Structures are given as structure tokens and as C-alpha cells.
Amino acid sequence: STSGHAGTPLRDVSLFVRAGQILGIAGVSGNGQRALADVISGMLPPQAGTMAIAGKTVAQFSPRELQALGLGRIPEDRMTTGLVTNLPLADSMVLPRIGTEAFSR
């Protein structure tokens, strides 16, 4: 449950996705699909409810935690949600992995 973007309420949402499946969410603008994607990806914390990935309950809704659990997201507008447009593309691609051993000490 969340108030979402522009007051879009989300209630009683339940999804089950098996390994290897891809879930797409579509709808008319303002019907809650962006708020739902933001909660699932950790951009917006829920007011209630639980989420588990591969049997692990999500403790802290943050993009970093959810990416570490294997969740990926392709946002509806990658220029405003998925990239840091004033940085080179390579830097934007590395940001989700910046805390890993391969990219930092």
C-alpha cells in the first residue's frame, strides 16, 4: 500500500513471478503502474505489505538492495529515471555496481 505518485493509491497488489519470467506492467497514465514500479524497484517505500525475492524478504526498500537481490528494471523513461545524463554513459552503467569489489575498495 502506498500513496504513490500524484496520490495514485495502490491497494491489494499481489504478484508472483517465477525464475526466468519477465513481468511487464502497462496501463493508462495515472493508473498506478509507475507507482507500482517505483515500489517494486525500491524508489518509493511502501506504507504496508511485504516483498520477497528468491525467498528473501526485502528488509529495506532501496534500489541498491533490490539490485543486489537480482531485481532489474527498465523504466518507462530511461532519460529521466535510468541515466545521469550529465555523466558519460559508462559512468551511469557502473553506478549500480559502484559498491562492489570490482569497482571500489
N, C-alpha and C. Protein backbone atom coordinates (compact mmCIF):
# COMPACT_ATOMS: atom_id res chain seq x y z
N SER A 1 0.84 -1.18 0.00
CA SER A 1 0.00 0.00 0.00
C SER A 1 0.88 1.23 0.00
N THR A 2 0.56 2.19 -0.84
CA THR A 2 1.31 3.44 -0.90
C THR A 2 0.43 4.51 -1.51
N SER A 3 0.77 5.77 -1.24
CA SER A 3 0.01 6.84 -1.88
C SER A 3 0.54 7.10 -3.28
N GLY A 4 1.73 6.64 -3.59
CA GLY A 4 2.24 6.68 -4.96
C GLY A 4 2.48 8.09 -5.47
N HIS A 5 2.58 8.21 -6.77
CA HIS A 5 2.79 9.49 -7.43
C HIS A 5 1.45 10.17 -7.63
N ALA A 6 1.43 11.46 -7.35
CA ALA A 6 0.24 12.29 -7.57
C ALA A 6 -0.99 11.68 -6.90
N GLY A 7 -0.79 11.03 -5.73
CA GLY A 7 -1.91 10.50 -4.98
C GLY A 7 -2.49 9.21 -5.53
N THR A 8 -1.81 8.54 -6.45
CA THR A 8 -2.32 7.30 -7.01
C THR A 8 -2.23 6.20 -5.96
N PRO A 9 -3.37 5.71 -5.47
CA PRO A 9 -3.31 4.67 -4.44
C PRO A 9 -3.05 3.29 -5.04
N LEU A 10 -2.28 2.51 -4.32
CA LEU A 10 -2.06 1.11 -4.67
C LEU A 10 -2.57 0.29 -3.49
N ARG A 11 -3.50 -0.61 -3.76
CA ARG A 11 -4.04 -1.45 -2.69
C ARG A 11 -4.20 -2.86 -3.22
N ASP A 12 -3.94 -3.82 -2.35
CA ASP A 12 -4.18 -5.23 -2.65
C ASP A 12 -3.48 -5.69 -3.93
N VAL A 13 -2.23 -5.29 -4.11
CA VAL A 13 -1.46 -5.72 -5.26
C VAL A 13 -0.68 -6.96 -4.87
N SER A 14 -0.82 -8.02 -5.64
CA SER A 14 -0.10 -9.25 -5.37
C SER A 14 0.42 -9.81 -6.68
N LEU A 15 1.74 -10.05 -6.74
CA LEU A 15 2.38 -10.57 -7.94
C LEU A 15 3.26 -11.74 -7.56
N PHE A 16 3.33 -12.74 -8.42
CA PHE A 16 4.23 -13.86 -8.24
C PHE A 16 4.90 -14.11 -9.57
N VAL A 17 6.21 -13.97 -9.60
CA VAL A 17 6.98 -14.14 -10.83
C VAL A 17 8.00 -15.24 -10.59
N ARG A 18 8.01 -16.23 -11.45
CA ARG A 18 8.95 -17.35 -11.31
C ARG A 18 10.28 -17.02 -11.98
N ALA A 19 11.32 -17.74 -11.60
CA ALA A 19 12.65 -17.55 -12.17
C ALA A 19 12.58 -17.64 -13.69
N GLY A 20 13.21 -16.72 -14.37
CA GLY A 20 13.25 -16.71 -15.82
C GLY A 20 12.09 -15.98 -16.47
N GLN A 21 11.06 -15.64 -15.71
CA GLN A 21 9.93 -14.91 -16.27
C GLN A 21 10.22 -13.42 -16.27
N ILE A 22 9.59 -12.72 -17.19
CA ILE A 22 9.69 -11.27 -17.27
C ILE A 22 8.29 -10.72 -17.06
N LEU A 23 8.16 -9.77 -16.16
CA LEU A 23 6.87 -9.15 -15.87
C LEU A 23 6.83 -7.77 -16.49
N GLY A 24 5.84 -7.50 -17.30
CA GLY A 24 5.62 -6.18 -17.86
C GLY A 24 4.37 -5.57 -17.26
N ILE A 25 4.43 -4.30 -16.95
CA ILE A 25 3.28 -3.60 -16.38
C ILE A 25 2.92 -2.47 -17.34
N ALA A 26 1.66 -2.42 -17.76
CA ALA A 26 1.21 -1.40 -18.69
C ALA A 26 -0.12 -0.85 -18.21
N GLY A 27 -0.42 0.36 -18.60
CA GLY A 27 -1.70 0.95 -18.24
C GLY A 27 -1.77 2.38 -18.73
N VAL A 28 -2.93 2.97 -18.56
CA VAL A 28 -3.14 4.36 -18.93
C VAL A 28 -2.41 5.22 -17.89
N SER A 29 -1.75 6.27 -18.36
CA SER A 29 -1.00 7.16 -17.47
C SER A 29 -1.87 7.60 -16.29
N GLY A 30 -1.32 7.48 -15.09
CA GLY A 30 -2.03 7.90 -13.89
C GLY A 30 -2.78 6.78 -13.18
N ASN A 31 -2.75 5.57 -13.73
CA ASN A 31 -3.48 4.47 -13.11
C ASN A 31 -2.66 3.68 -12.09
N GLY A 32 -1.44 4.10 -11.81
CA GLY A 32 -0.67 3.48 -10.75
C GLY A 32 0.49 2.60 -11.18
N GLN A 33 0.67 2.38 -12.49
CA GLN A 33 1.75 1.49 -12.90
C GLN A 33 3.13 2.06 -12.57
N ARG A 34 3.31 3.36 -12.66
CA ARG A 34 4.61 3.95 -12.30
C ARG A 34 4.85 3.84 -10.80
N ALA A 35 3.84 4.11 -9.99
CA ALA A 35 3.99 3.98 -8.54
C ALA A 35 4.31 2.54 -8.17
N LEU A 36 3.66 1.59 -8.81
CA LEU A 36 3.93 0.18 -8.55
C LEU A 36 5.37 -0.17 -8.92
N ALA A 37 5.83 0.26 -10.08
CA ALA A 37 7.21 0.01 -10.50
C ALA A 37 8.20 0.66 -9.54
N ASP A 38 7.87 1.85 -9.03
CA ASP A 38 8.76 2.54 -8.10
C ASP A 38 8.85 1.81 -6.76
N VAL A 39 7.75 1.23 -6.30
CA VAL A 39 7.78 0.44 -5.06
C VAL A 39 8.58 -0.83 -5.29
N ILE A 40 8.30 -1.54 -6.36
CA ILE A 40 8.98 -2.81 -6.64
C ILE A 40 10.48 -2.59 -6.79
N SER A 41 10.91 -1.47 -7.37
CA SER A 41 12.34 -1.23 -7.60
C SER A 41 13.04 -0.52 -6.45
N GLY A 42 12.30 -0.15 -5.40
CA GLY A 42 12.91 0.47 -4.23
C GLY A 42 13.00 1.98 -4.28
N MET A 43 12.41 2.60 -5.29
CA MET A 43 12.45 4.05 -5.40
C MET A 43 11.44 4.71 -4.46
N LEU A 44 10.40 4.00 -4.09
CA LEU A 44 9.33 4.52 -3.25
C LEU A 44 9.00 3.47 -2.20
N PRO A 45 9.16 3.80 -0.92
CA PRO A 45 8.87 2.79 0.12
C PRO A 45 7.37 2.58 0.28
N PRO A 46 6.94 1.35 0.49
CA PRO A 46 5.51 1.10 0.71
C PRO A 46 5.11 1.49 2.12
N GLN A 47 3.83 1.80 2.31
CA GLN A 47 3.32 2.10 3.64
C GLN A 47 3.00 0.81 4.39
N ALA A 48 2.76 -0.27 3.65
CA ALA A 48 2.44 -1.56 4.26
C ALA A 48 2.74 -2.66 3.25
N GLY A 49 2.81 -3.89 3.73
CA GLY A 49 3.00 -5.02 2.85
C GLY A 49 4.41 -5.57 2.90
N THR A 50 4.62 -6.66 2.18
CA THR A 50 5.93 -7.31 2.15
C THR A 50 6.29 -7.66 0.71
N MET A 51 7.58 -7.89 0.51
CA MET A 51 8.07 -8.32 -0.78
C MET A 51 9.22 -9.28 -0.53
N ALA A 52 9.26 -10.36 -1.33
CA ALA A 52 10.35 -11.32 -1.21
C ALA A 52 10.90 -11.60 -2.60
N ILE A 53 12.22 -11.76 -2.68
CA ILE A 53 12.89 -12.12 -3.92
C ILE A 53 13.74 -13.34 -3.63
N ALA A 54 13.50 -14.40 -4.39
CA ALA A 54 14.21 -15.67 -4.22
C ALA A 54 14.13 -16.15 -2.77
N GLY A 55 12.96 -15.98 -2.16
CA GLY A 55 12.74 -16.44 -0.80
C GLY A 55 13.28 -15.53 0.29
N LYS A 56 13.91 -14.41 -0.09
CA LYS A 56 14.46 -13.48 0.89
C LYS A 56 13.55 -12.27 0.99
N THR A 57 13.07 -12.01 2.21
CA THR A 57 12.21 -10.86 2.43
C THR A 57 13.01 -9.58 2.29
N VAL A 58 12.47 -8.63 1.56
CA VAL A 58 13.12 -7.33 1.39
C VAL A 58 12.96 -6.57 2.70
N ALA A 59 14.11 -6.23 3.31
CA ALA A 59 14.09 -5.56 4.60
C ALA A 59 14.04 -4.04 4.44
N GLN A 60 14.79 -3.53 3.49
CA GLN A 60 14.89 -2.09 3.28
C GLN A 60 14.66 -1.82 1.80
N PHE A 61 13.62 -1.11 1.48
CA PHE A 61 13.31 -0.85 0.08
C PHE A 61 14.25 0.23 -0.44
N SER A 62 15.31 -0.20 -1.11
CA SER A 62 16.23 0.73 -1.76
C SER A 62 16.66 0.08 -3.08
N PRO A 63 16.93 0.90 -4.09
CA PRO A 63 17.37 0.32 -5.37
C PRO A 63 18.60 -0.57 -5.19
N ARG A 64 19.53 -0.18 -4.35
CA ARG A 64 20.75 -0.96 -4.16
C ARG A 64 20.45 -2.35 -3.61
N GLU A 65 19.59 -2.44 -2.59
CA GLU A 65 19.25 -3.75 -2.02
C GLU A 65 18.53 -4.62 -3.04
N LEU A 66 17.58 -4.06 -3.75
CA LEU A 66 16.81 -4.85 -4.70
C LEU A 66 17.66 -5.30 -5.88
N GLN A 67 18.59 -4.48 -6.34
CA GLN A 67 19.50 -4.90 -7.39
C GLN A 67 20.40 -6.03 -6.89
N ALA A 68 20.85 -5.93 -5.64
CA ALA A 68 21.70 -6.98 -5.07
C ALA A 68 20.94 -8.31 -4.98
N LEU A 69 19.61 -8.25 -4.84
CA LEU A 69 18.79 -9.46 -4.80
C LEU A 69 18.45 -9.98 -6.20
N GLY A 70 18.90 -9.26 -7.23
CA GLY A 70 18.71 -9.73 -8.60
C GLY A 70 17.59 -9.07 -9.37
N LEU A 71 16.96 -8.05 -8.81
CA LEU A 71 15.87 -7.38 -9.50
C LEU A 71 16.41 -6.36 -10.49
N GLY A 72 15.86 -6.33 -11.68
CA GLY A 72 16.22 -5.33 -12.68
C GLY A 72 14.97 -4.58 -13.11
N ARG A 73 15.15 -3.37 -13.59
CA ARG A 73 14.01 -2.56 -14.03
C ARG A 73 14.40 -1.80 -15.29
N ILE A 74 13.49 -1.79 -16.24
CA ILE A 74 13.62 -0.93 -17.41
C ILE A 74 12.54 0.14 -17.26
N PRO A 75 12.90 1.35 -16.89
CA PRO A 75 11.89 2.39 -16.64
C PRO A 75 11.23 2.86 -17.93
N GLU A 76 10.05 3.46 -17.77
CA GLU A 76 9.33 3.95 -18.93
C GLU A 76 10.08 5.08 -19.63
N ASP A 77 10.81 5.89 -18.90
CA ASP A 77 11.59 6.98 -19.48
C ASP A 77 13.02 6.87 -18.95
N ARG A 78 13.86 6.21 -19.71
CA ARG A 78 15.23 5.95 -19.25
C ARG A 78 16.07 7.22 -19.13
N MET A 79 15.71 8.28 -19.84
CA MET A 79 16.50 9.52 -19.78
C MET A 79 16.30 10.24 -18.44
N THR A 80 15.13 10.10 -17.82
CA THR A 80 14.90 10.79 -16.54
C THR A 80 15.01 9.84 -15.35
N THR A 81 14.82 8.55 -15.53
CA THR A 81 14.84 7.61 -14.42
C THR A 81 16.08 6.72 -14.41
N GLY A 82 16.60 6.37 -15.58
CA GLY A 82 17.65 5.37 -15.62
C GLY A 82 19.06 5.87 -15.83
N LEU A 83 19.23 7.12 -16.19
CA LEU A 83 20.57 7.64 -16.51
C LEU A 83 20.86 8.92 -15.73
N VAL A 84 22.15 9.20 -15.56
CA VAL A 84 22.59 10.50 -15.09
C VAL A 84 23.11 11.18 -16.36
N THR A 85 22.27 12.00 -16.97
CA THR A 85 22.55 12.48 -18.33
C THR A 85 23.75 13.42 -18.42
N ASN A 86 24.19 14.02 -17.32
CA ASN A 86 25.36 14.89 -17.41
C ASN A 86 26.67 14.12 -17.20
N LEU A 87 26.60 12.79 -17.05
CA LEU A 87 27.78 11.93 -16.97
C LEU A 87 27.90 11.10 -18.24
N PRO A 88 29.10 10.63 -18.56
CA PRO A 88 29.23 9.70 -19.68
C PRO A 88 28.41 8.44 -19.43
N LEU A 89 27.93 7.82 -20.50
CA LEU A 89 27.10 6.62 -20.40
C LEU A 89 27.78 5.52 -19.57
N ALA A 90 29.09 5.35 -19.74
CA ALA A 90 29.81 4.32 -18.99
C ALA A 90 29.68 4.54 -17.48
N ASP A 91 29.71 5.79 -17.03
CA ASP A 91 29.56 6.08 -15.60
C ASP A 91 28.17 5.71 -15.11
N SER A 92 27.14 6.03 -15.88
CA SER A 92 25.78 5.66 -15.50
C SER A 92 25.62 4.15 -15.41
N MET A 93 26.29 3.42 -16.30
CA MET A 93 26.19 1.96 -16.30
C MET A 93 26.86 1.35 -15.08
N VAL A 94 27.89 1.99 -14.56
CA VAL A 94 28.64 1.46 -13.42
C VAL A 94 27.96 1.80 -12.08
N LEU A 95 27.19 2.85 -12.02
CA LEU A 95 26.62 3.30 -10.74
C LEU A 95 25.95 2.19 -9.92
N PRO A 96 25.14 1.30 -10.50
CA PRO A 96 24.53 0.26 -9.68
C PRO A 96 25.55 -0.71 -9.07
N ARG A 97 26.75 -0.75 -9.61
CA ARG A 97 27.77 -1.69 -9.14
C ARG A 97 28.91 -1.00 -8.39
N ILE A 98 28.77 0.29 -8.12
CA ILE A 98 29.87 1.07 -7.57
C ILE A 98 30.34 0.53 -6.21
N GLY A 99 29.47 -0.09 -5.44
CA GLY A 99 29.85 -0.62 -4.13
C GLY A 99 30.43 -2.02 -4.17
N THR A 100 30.54 -2.61 -5.34
CA THR A 100 31.06 -3.98 -5.43
C THR A 100 32.58 -3.98 -5.48
N GLU A 101 33.17 -5.11 -5.17
CA GLU A 101 34.61 -5.24 -5.12
C GLU A 101 35.29 -4.87 -6.44
N ALA A 102 34.64 -5.16 -7.55
CA ALA A 102 35.23 -4.88 -8.86
C ALA A 102 35.43 -3.39 -9.11
N PHE A 103 34.65 -2.53 -8.43
CA PHE A 103 34.70 -1.10 -8.71
C PHE A 103 35.11 -0.22 -7.54
N SER A 104 35.29 -0.80 -6.35
CA SER A 104 35.68 0.02 -5.21
C SER A 104 36.41 -0.82 -4.17
N ARG A 105 37.08 -0.16 -3.28
CA ARG A 105 37.83 -0.84 -2.21
C ARG A 105 37.22 -0.55 -0.88
